[in-house]
Amino acid sequence: MKPLTENHPLDFSCLTGREVEVLLLLASGEQNRRLARHLGIAERTIRAHTASIVRKLRLKSRFEAAIVAHLYADDIKDLETTQQRSAA
């Protein structure tokens, strides 16, 4: 993965499949309610996944996670594809 900064490399492999889905959707800028509807889960679950993503990637906020998702979308999508293949 490409580093966010020299001292803070991003390791998307620590995320679960659902967290990867949520991270990719965060880049859209939609509210949690709409993301939850899109995935068919509770808004509270979106908040929990988002908090987990922020913690695991050592980010500061949901906003920063959305920016990371936008900047590294190709890397994240590659990981999502790999996770789906290994689950099959």
PDB file of N, CA and C in Angstrom:
ATOM      1  N   MET A   1       0.832  -1.183   0.000  1.00  0.00           N
ATOM      2  CA  MET A   1       0.000   0.000   0.000  1.00  0.00           C
ATOM      3  C   MET A   1       0.876   1.247   0.000  1.00  0.00           C
ATOM      4  N   LYS A   2       0.332   2.303  -0.519  1.00  0.00           N
ATOM      5  CA  LYS A   2       1.035   3.573  -0.520  1.00  0.00           C
ATOM      6  C   LYS A   2       0.909   4.209   0.863  1.00  0.00           C
ATOM      7  N   PRO A   3       1.935   4.907   1.310  1.00  0.00           N
ATOM      8  CA  PRO A   3       1.845   5.541   2.631  1.00  0.00           C
ATOM      9  C   PRO A   3       1.010   6.810   2.600  1.00  0.00           C
ATOM     10  N   LEU A   4       0.290   7.048   3.671  1.00  0.00           N
ATOM     11  CA  LEU A   4      -0.417   8.312   3.839  1.00  0.00           C
ATOM     12  C   LEU A   4       0.627   9.389   4.119  1.00  0.00           C
ATOM     13  N   THR A   5       1.533   9.057   5.007  1.00  0.00           N
ATOM     14  CA  THR A   5       2.721   9.870   5.251  1.00  0.00           C
ATOM     15  C   THR A   5       3.867   8.895   5.398  1.00  0.00           C
ATOM     16  N   GLU A   6       5.046   9.391   5.456  1.00  0.00           N
ATOM     17  CA  GLU A   6       6.202   8.506   5.585  1.00  0.00           C
ATOM     18  C   GLU A   6       6.161   7.689   6.876  1.00  0.00           C
ATOM     19  N   ASN A   7       5.615   8.257   7.938  1.00  0.00           N
ATOM     20  CA  ASN A   7       5.579   7.581   9.232  1.00  0.00           C
ATOM     21  C   ASN A   7       4.284   6.824   9.487  1.00  0.00           C
ATOM     22  N   HIS A   8       3.371   6.855   8.541  1.00  0.00           N
ATOM     23  CA  HIS A   8       2.047   6.272   8.778  1.00  0.00           C
ATOM     24  C   HIS A   8       1.577   5.515   7.530  1.00  0.00           C
ATOM     25  N   PRO A   9       2.124   4.330   7.291  1.00  0.00           N
ATOM     26  CA  PRO A   9       1.653   3.567   6.125  1.00  0.00           C
ATOM     27  C   PRO A   9       0.239   3.034   6.363  1.00  0.00           C
ATOM     28  N   LEU A  10      -0.515   2.948   5.316  1.00  0.00           N
ATOM     29  CA  LEU A  10      -1.873   2.417   5.411  1.00  0.00           C
ATOM     30  C   LEU A  10      -1.860   0.939   5.069  1.00  0.00           C
ATOM     31  N   ASP A  11      -2.456   0.132   5.938  1.00  0.00           N
ATOM     32  CA  ASP A  11      -2.548  -1.309   5.712  1.00  0.00           C
ATOM     33  C   ASP A  11      -4.020  -1.687   5.697  1.00  0.00           C
ATOM     34  N   PHE A  12      -4.590  -1.719   4.499  1.00  0.00           N
ATOM     35  CA  PHE A  12      -6.010  -2.014   4.361  1.00  0.00           C
ATOM     36  C   PHE A  12      -6.320  -3.484   4.635  1.00  0.00           C
ATOM     37  N   SER A  13      -5.309  -4.334   4.663  1.00  0.00           N
ATOM     38  CA  SER A  13      -5.549  -5.760   4.883  1.00  0.00           C
ATOM     39  C   SER A  13      -6.054  -6.061   6.295  1.00  0.00           C
ATOM     40  N   CYS A  14      -5.945  -5.104   7.212  1.00  0.00           N
ATOM     41  CA  CYS A  14      -6.444  -5.308   8.574  1.00  0.00           C
ATOM     42  C   CYS A  14      -7.965  -5.157   8.649  1.00  0.00           C
ATOM     43  N   LEU A  15      -8.586  -4.696   7.563  1.00  0.00           N
ATOM     44  CA  LEU A  15     -10.026  -4.470   7.554  1.00  0.00           C
ATOM     45  C   LEU A  15     -10.782  -5.732   7.152  1.00  0.00           C
ATOM     46  N   THR A  16     -11.974  -5.889   7.724  1.00  0.00           N
ATOM     47  CA  THR A  16     -12.841  -6.992   7.323  1.00  0.00           C
ATOM     48  C   THR A  16     -13.466  -6.663   5.969  1.00  0.00           C
ATOM     49  N   GLY A  17     -14.082  -7.637   5.352  1.00  0.00           N
ATOM     50  CA  GLY A  17     -14.742  -7.417   4.076  1.00  0.00           C
ATOM     51  C   GLY A  17     -15.807  -6.341   4.152  1.00  0.00           C
ATOM     52  N   ARG A  18     -16.605  -6.357   5.211  1.00  0.00           N
ATOM     53  CA  ARG A  18     -17.671  -5.360   5.360  1.00  0.00           C
ATOM     54  C   ARG A  18     -17.081  -3.968   5.605  1.00  0.00           C
ATOM     55  N   GLU A  19     -15.990  -3.900   6.363  1.00  0.00           N
ATOM     56  CA  GLU A  19     -15.335  -2.618   6.591  1.00  0.00           C
ATOM     57  C   GLU A  19     -14.798  -2.046   5.283  1.00  0.00           C
ATOM     58  N   VAL A  20     -14.287  -2.910   4.424  1.00  0.00           N
ATOM     59  CA  VAL A  20     -13.812  -2.469   3.113  1.00  0.00           C
ATOM     60  C   VAL A  20     -14.977  -1.896   2.314  1.00  0.00           C
ATOM     61  N   GLU A  21     -16.125  -2.570   2.339  1.00  0.00           N
ATOM     62  CA  GLU A  21     -17.315  -2.065   1.639  1.00  0.00           C
ATOM     63  C   GLU A  21     -17.708  -0.687   2.161  1.00  0.00           C
ATOM     64  N   VAL A  22     -17.743  -0.563   3.478  1.00  0.00           N
ATOM     65  CA  VAL A  22     -18.124   0.705   4.097  1.00  0.00           C
ATOM     66  C   VAL A  22     -17.104   1.783   3.745  1.00  0.00           C
ATOM     67  N   LEU A  23     -15.824   1.452   3.814  1.00  0.00           N
ATOM     68  CA  LEU A  23     -14.786   2.430   3.488  1.00  0.00           C
ATOM     69  C   LEU A  23     -14.952   2.950   2.067  1.00  0.00           C
ATOM     70  N   LEU A  24     -15.188   2.069   1.131  1.00  0.00           N
ATOM     71  CA  LEU A  24     -15.382   2.502  -0.255  1.00  0.00           C
ATOM     72  C   LEU A  24     -16.603   3.410  -0.395  1.00  0.00           C
ATOM     73  N   LEU A  25     -17.662   3.102   0.354  1.00  0.00           N
ATOM     74  CA  LEU A  25     -18.867   3.933   0.287  1.00  0.00           C
ATOM     75  C   LEU A  25     -18.681   5.289   0.969  1.00  0.00           C
ATOM     76  N   LEU A  26     -17.786   5.358   1.949  1.00  0.00           N
ATOM     77  CA  LEU A  26     -17.539   6.634   2.617  1.00  0.00           C
ATOM     78  C   LEU A  26     -17.040   7.686   1.635  1.00  0.00           C
ATOM     79  N   ALA A  27     -16.337   7.252   0.610  1.00  0.00           N
ATOM     80  CA  ALA A  27     -15.816   8.193  -0.386  1.00  0.00           C
ATOM     81  C   ALA A  27     -16.924   8.927  -1.119  1.00  0.00           C
ATOM     82  N   SER A  28     -18.129   8.368  -1.117  1.00  0.00           N
ATOM     83  CA  SER A  28     -19.248   9.012  -1.812  1.00  0.00           C
ATOM     84  C   SER A  28     -19.737  10.252  -1.073  1.00  0.00           C
ATOM     85  N   GLY A  29     -19.415  10.352   0.207  1.00  0.00           N
ATOM     86  CA  GLY A  29     -19.850  11.501   0.994  1.00  0.00           C
ATOM     87  C   GLY A  29     -21.272  11.409   1.502  1.00  0.00           C
ATOM     88  N   GLU A  30     -21.915  10.279   1.261  1.00  0.00           N
ATOM     89  CA  GLU A  30     -23.302  10.096   1.712  1.00  0.00           C
ATOM     90  C   GLU A  30     -23.371   9.994   3.237  1.00  0.00           C
ATOM     91  N   GLN A  31     -24.525  10.303   3.765  1.00  0.00           N
ATOM     92  CA  GLN A  31     -24.766  10.181   5.198  1.00  0.00           C
ATOM     93  C   GLN A  31     -24.865   8.707   5.585  1.00  0.00           C
ATOM     94  N   ASN A  32     -24.617   8.443   6.868  1.00  0.00           N
ATOM     95  CA  ASN A  32     -24.675   7.075   7.376  1.00  0.00           C
ATOM     96  C   ASN A  32     -26.011   6.398   7.076  1.00  0.00           C
ATOM     97  N   ARG A  33     -27.086   7.136   7.172  1.00  0.00           N
ATOM     98  CA  ARG A  33     -28.415   6.569   6.937  1.00  0.00           C
ATOM     99  C   ARG A  33     -28.522   6.000   5.522  1.00  0.00           C
ATOM    100  N   ARG A  34     -28.024   6.742   4.546  1.00  0.00           N
ATOM    101  CA  ARG A  34     -28.088   6.275   3.156  1.00  0.00           C
ATOM    102  C   ARG A  34     -27.139   5.104   2.917  1.00  0.00           C
ATOM    103  N   LEU A  35     -25.965   5.135   3.555  1.00  0.00           N
ATOM    104  CA  LEU A  35     -25.029   4.016   3.431  1.00  0.00           C
ATOM    105  C   LEU A  35     -25.656   2.752   4.018  1.00  0.00           C
ATOM    106  N   ALA A  36     -26.305   2.904   5.154  1.00  0.00           N
ATOM    107  CA  ALA A  36     -26.959   1.769   5.808  1.00  0.00           C
ATOM    108  C   ALA A  36     -28.048   1.185   4.915  1.00  0.00           C
ATOM    109  N   ARG A  37     -28.837   2.048   4.325  1.00  0.00           N
ATOM    110  CA  ARG A  37     -29.885   1.579   3.413  1.00  0.00           C
ATOM    111  C   ARG A  37     -29.290   0.848   2.221  1.00  0.00           C
ATOM    112  N   HIS A  38     -28.218   1.384   1.692  1.00  0.00           N
ATOM    113  CA  HIS A  38     -27.554   0.770   0.531  1.00  0.00           C
ATOM    114  C   HIS A  38     -27.058  -0.644   0.855  1.00  0.00           C
ATOM    115  N   LEU A  39     -26.518  -0.822   2.068  1.00  0.00           N
ATOM    116  CA  LEU A  39     -25.983  -2.129   2.457  1.00  0.00           C
ATOM    117  C   LEU A  39     -27.004  -3.021   3.153  1.00  0.00           C
ATOM    118  N   GLY A  40     -28.165  -2.471   3.475  1.00  0.00           N
ATOM    119  CA  GLY A  40     -29.194  -3.261   4.139  1.00  0.00           C
ATOM    120  C   GLY A  40     -28.856  -3.583   5.589  1.00  0.00           C
ATOM    121  N   ILE A  41     -28.183  -2.633   6.253  1.00  0.00           N
ATOM    122  CA  ILE A  41     -27.829  -2.817   7.659  1.00  0.00           C
ATOM    123  C   ILE A  41     -28.263  -1.577   8.435  1.00  0.00           C
ATOM    124  N   ALA A  42     -28.169  -1.641   9.760  1.00  0.00           N
ATOM    125  CA  ALA A  42     -28.580  -0.523  10.604  1.00  0.00           C
ATOM    126  C   ALA A  42     -27.575   0.618  10.540  1.00  0.00           C
ATOM    127  N   GLU A  43     -28.083   1.814  10.716  1.00  0.00           N
ATOM    128  CA  GLU A  43     -27.215   2.996  10.743  1.00  0.00           C
ATOM    129  C   GLU A  43     -26.185   2.878  11.861  1.00  0.00           C
ATOM    130  N   ARG A  44     -26.598   2.316  12.977  1.00  0.00           N
ATOM    131  CA  ARG A  44     -25.684   2.106  14.107  1.00  0.00           C
ATOM    132  C   ARG A  44     -24.521   1.198  13.704  1.00  0.00           C
ATOM    133  N   THR A  45     -24.798   0.216  12.855  1.00  0.00           N
ATOM    134  CA  THR A  45     -23.759  -0.687  12.386  1.00  0.00           C
ATOM    135  C   THR A  45     -22.771   0.048  11.491  1.00  0.00           C
ATOM    136  N   ILE A  46     -23.256   0.965  10.675  1.00  0.00           N
ATOM    137  CA  ILE A  46     -22.378   1.792   9.841  1.00  0.00           C
ATOM    138  C   ILE A  46     -21.451   2.603  10.741  1.00  0.00           C
ATOM    139  N   ARG A  47     -22.005   3.182  11.792  1.00  0.00           N
ATOM    140  CA  ARG A  47     -21.180   3.967  12.725  1.00  0.00           C
ATOM    141  C   ARG A  47     -20.124   3.091  13.380  1.00  0.00           C
ATOM    142  N   ALA A  48     -20.494   1.874  13.741  1.00  0.00           N
ATOM    143  CA  ALA A  48     -19.535   0.954  14.366  1.00  0.00           C
ATOM    144  C   ALA A  48     -18.421   0.576  13.389  1.00  0.00           C
ATOM    145  N   HIS A  49     -18.795   0.280  12.142  1.00  0.00           N
ATOM    146  CA  HIS A  49     -17.787  -0.051  11.130  1.00  0.00           C
ATOM    147  C   HIS A  49     -16.870   1.140  10.873  1.00  0.00           C
ATOM    148  N   THR A  50     -17.459   2.316  10.805  1.00  0.00           N
ATOM    149  CA  THR A  50     -16.665   3.522  10.555  1.00  0.00           C
ATOM    150  C   THR A  50     -15.679   3.762  11.694  1.00  0.00           C
ATOM    151  N   ALA A  51     -16.133   3.611  12.920  1.00  0.00           N
ATOM    152  CA  ALA A  51     -15.248   3.780  14.073  1.00  0.00           C
ATOM    153  C   ALA A  51     -14.112   2.760  14.031  1.00  0.00           C
ATOM    154  N   SER A  52     -14.427   1.543  13.652  1.00  0.00           N
ATOM    155  CA  SER A  52     -13.419   0.492  13.553  1.00  0.00           C
ATOM    156  C   SER A  52     -12.403   0.807  12.455  1.00  0.00           C
ATOM    157  N   ILE A  53     -12.881   1.300  11.322  1.00  0.00           N
ATOM    158  CA  ILE A  53     -11.996   1.676  10.213  1.00  0.00           C
ATOM    159  C   ILE A  53     -11.043   2.781  10.654  1.00  0.00           C
ATOM    160  N   VAL A  54     -11.590   3.799  11.286  1.00  0.00           N
ATOM    161  CA  VAL A  54     -10.773   4.934  11.748  1.00  0.00           C
ATOM    162  C   VAL A  54      -9.710   4.441  12.731  1.00  0.00           C
ATOM    163  N   ARG A  55     -10.100   3.561  13.643  1.00  0.00           N
ATOM    164  CA  ARG A  55      -9.155   3.045  14.633  1.00  0.00           C
ATOM    165  C   ARG A  55      -8.083   2.183  13.979  1.00  0.00           C
ATOM    166  N   LYS A  56      -8.491   1.234  13.144  1.00  0.00           N
ATOM    167  CA  LYS A  56      -7.552   0.304  12.531  1.00  0.00           C
ATOM    168  C   LYS A  56      -6.553   0.993  11.605  1.00  0.00           C
ATOM    169  N   LEU A  57      -7.014   2.017  10.889  1.00  0.00           N
ATOM    170  CA  LEU A  57      -6.127   2.722   9.968  1.00  0.00           C
ATOM    171  C   LEU A  57      -5.412   3.896  10.638  1.00  0.00           C
ATOM    172  N   ARG A  58      -5.677   4.063  11.935  1.00  0.00           N
ATOM    173  CA  ARG A  58      -5.081   5.136  12.732  1.00  0.00           C
ATOM    174  C   ARG A  58      -5.338   6.508  12.109  1.00  0.00           C
ATOM    175  N   LEU A  59      -6.601   6.732  11.766  1.00  0.00           N
ATOM    176  CA  LEU A  59      -7.024   8.004  11.210  1.00  0.00           C
ATOM    177  C   LEU A  59      -7.646   8.841  12.318  1.00  0.00           C
ATOM    178  N   LYS A  60      -7.994  10.067  11.994  1.00  0.00           N
ATOM    179  CA  LYS A  60      -8.533  10.965  13.010  1.00  0.00           C
ATOM    180  C   LYS A  60     -10.044  11.116  12.966  1.00  0.00           C
ATOM    181  N   SER A  61     -10.650  10.828  11.801  1.00  0.00           N
ATOM    182  CA  SER A  61     -12.084  11.080  11.681  1.00  0.00           C
ATOM    183  C   SER A  61     -12.683  10.327  10.501  1.00  0.00           C
ATOM    184  N   ARG A  62     -14.005  10.340  10.453  1.00  0.00           N
ATOM    185  CA  ARG A  62     -14.744   9.764   9.324  1.00  0.00           C
ATOM    186  C   ARG A  62     -14.387  10.512   8.048  1.00  0.00           C
ATOM    187  N   PHE A  63     -14.232  11.816   8.178  1.00  0.00           N
ATOM    188  CA  PHE A  63     -13.878  12.646   7.034  1.00  0.00           C
ATOM    189  C   PHE A  63     -12.528  12.216   6.453  1.00  0.00           C
ATOM    190  N   GLU A  64     -11.556  12.004   7.318  1.00  0.00           N
ATOM    191  CA  GLU A  64     -10.248  11.550   6.858  1.00  0.00           C
ATOM    192  C   GLU A  64     -10.356  10.170   6.207  1.00  0.00           C
ATOM    193  N   ALA A  65     -11.199   9.301   6.751  1.00  0.00           N
ATOM    194  CA  ALA A  65     -11.417   7.979   6.157  1.00  0.00           C
ATOM    195  C   ALA A  65     -12.011   8.114   4.759  1.00  0.00           C
ATOM    196  N   ALA A  66     -12.925   9.051   4.584  1.00  0.00           N
ATOM    197  CA  ALA A  66     -13.529   9.277   3.267  1.00  0.00           C
ATOM    198  C   ALA A  66     -12.482   9.766   2.267  1.00  0.00           C
ATOM    199  N   ILE A  67     -11.597  10.629   2.703  1.00  0.00           N
ATOM    200  CA  ILE A  67     -10.529  11.116   1.823  1.00  0.00           C
ATOM    201  C   ILE A  67      -9.592   9.979   1.450  1.00  0.00           C
ATOM    202  N   VAL A  68      -9.208   9.174   2.435  1.00  0.00           N
ATOM    203  CA  VAL A  68      -8.343   8.014   2.174  1.00  0.00           C
ATOM    204  C   VAL A  68      -9.030   7.074   1.189  1.00  0.00           C
ATOM    205  N   ALA A  69     -10.318   6.838   1.386  1.00  0.00           N
ATOM    206  CA  ALA A  69     -11.059   5.952   0.487  1.00  0.00           C
ATOM    207  C   ALA A  69     -11.041   6.487  -0.936  1.00  0.00           C
ATOM    208  N   HIS A  70     -11.176   7.773  -1.070  1.00  0.00           N
ATOM    209  CA  HIS A  70     -11.157   8.384  -2.406  1.00  0.00           C
ATOM    210  C   HIS A  70      -9.760   8.277  -3.033  1.00  0.00           C
ATOM    211  N   LEU A  71      -8.731   8.591  -2.254  1.00  0.00           N
ATOM    212  CA  LEU A  71      -7.364   8.591  -2.777  1.00  0.00           C
ATOM    213  C   LEU A  71      -6.847   7.192  -3.107  1.00  0.00           C
ATOM    214  N   TYR A  72      -7.250   6.208  -2.317  1.00  0.00           N
ATOM    215  CA  TYR A  72      -6.719   4.853  -2.464  1.00  0.00           C
ATOM    216  C   TYR A  72      -7.779   3.861  -2.935  1.00  0.00           C
ATOM    217  N   ALA A  73      -8.780   4.346  -3.637  1.00  0.00           N
ATOM    218  CA  ALA A  73      -9.891   3.494  -4.065  1.00  0.00           C
ATOM    219  C   ALA A  73      -9.420   2.276  -4.846  1.00  0.00           C
ATOM    220  N   ASP A  74      -8.444   2.442  -5.722  1.00  0.00           N
ATOM    221  CA  ASP A  74      -7.966   1.306  -6.523  1.00  0.00           C
ATOM    222  C   ASP A  74      -7.338   0.233  -5.639  1.00  0.00           C
ATOM    223  N   ASP A  75      -6.510   0.641  -4.677  1.00  0.00           N
ATOM    224  CA  ASP A  75      -5.893  -0.321  -3.756  1.00  0.00           C
ATOM    225  C   ASP A  75      -6.952  -1.045  -2.929  1.00  0.00           C
ATOM    226  N   ILE A  76      -7.945  -0.301  -2.481  1.00  0.00           N
ATOM    227  CA  ILE A  76      -9.000  -0.883  -1.648  1.00  0.00           C
ATOM    228  C   ILE A  76      -9.845  -1.854  -2.468  1.00  0.00           C
ATOM    229  N   LYS A  77     -10.157  -1.481  -3.704  1.00  0.00           N
ATOM    230  CA  LYS A  77     -10.944  -2.366  -4.572  1.00  0.00           C
ATOM    231  C   LYS A  77     -10.170  -3.645  -4.885  1.00  0.00           C
ATOM    232  N   ASP A  78      -8.857  -3.530  -5.072  1.00  0.00           N
ATOM    233  CA  ASP A  78      -8.027  -4.721  -5.286  1.00  0.00           C
ATOM    234  C   ASP A  78      -8.102  -5.649  -4.077  1.00  0.00           C
ATOM    235  N   LEU A  79      -8.042  -5.067  -2.884  1.00  0.00           N
ATOM    236  CA  LEU A  79      -8.148  -5.861  -1.662  1.00  0.00           C
ATOM    237  C   LEU A  79      -9.514  -6.516  -1.572  1.00  0.00           C
ATOM    238  N   GLU A  80     -10.565  -5.779  -1.902  1.00  0.00           N
ATOM    239  CA  GLU A  80     -11.922  -6.320  -1.851  1.00  0.00           C
ATOM    240  C   GLU A  80     -12.051  -7.518  -2.788  1.00  0.00           C
ATOM    241  N   THR A  81     -11.500  -7.399  -3.980  1.00  0.00           N
ATOM    242  CA  THR A  81     -11.534  -8.496  -4.952  1.00  0.00           C
ATOM    243  C   THR A  81     -10.788  -9.702  -4.421  1.00  0.00           C
ATOM    244  N   THR A  82      -9.631  -9.486  -3.836  1.00  0.00           N
ATOM    245  CA  THR A  82      -8.836 -10.578  -3.263  1.00  0.00           C
ATOM    246  C   THR A  82      -9.593 -11.247  -2.128  1.00  0.00           C
ATOM    247  N   GLN A  83     -10.237 -10.460  -1.262  1.00  0.00           N
ATOM    248  CA  GLN A  83     -10.998 -11.032  -0.148  1.00  0.00           C
ATOM    249  C   GLN A  83     -12.173 -11.861  -0.663  1.00  0.00           C
ATOM    250  N   GLN A  84     -12.829 -11.387  -1.700  1.00  0.00           N
ATOM    251  CA  GLN A  84     -13.965 -12.122  -2.240  1.00  0.00           C
ATOM    252  C   GLN A  84     -13.522 -13.451  -2.858  1.00  0.00           C
ATOM    253  N   ARG A  85     -12.393 -13.439  -3.532  1.00  0.00           N
ATOM    254  CA  ARG A  85     -11.871 -14.666  -4.129  1.00  0.00           C
ATOM    255  C   ARG A  85     -11.491 -15.704  -3.069  1.00  0.00           C
ATOM    256  N   SER A  86     -10.864 -15.223  -1.987  1.00  0.00           N
ATOM    257  CA  SER A  86     -10.436 -16.159  -0.956  1.00  0.00           C
ATOM    258  C   SER A  86     -11.623 -16.688  -0.144  1.00  0.00           C
ATOM    259  N   ALA A  87     -12.720 -15.944  -0.136  1.00  0.00           N
ATOM    260  CA  ALA A  87     -13.926 -16.399   0.575  1.00  0.00           C
ATOM    261  C   ALA A  87     -14.682 -17.463  -0.223  1.00  0.00           C
ATOM    262  N   ALA A  88     -14.471 -17.488  -1.528  1.00  0.00           N
ATOM    263  CA  ALA A  88     -15.201 -18.428  -2.391  1.00  0.00           C
ATOM    264  C   ALA A  88     -14.604 -19.815  -2.379  1.00  0.00           C
TER     265      ALA A  88
END
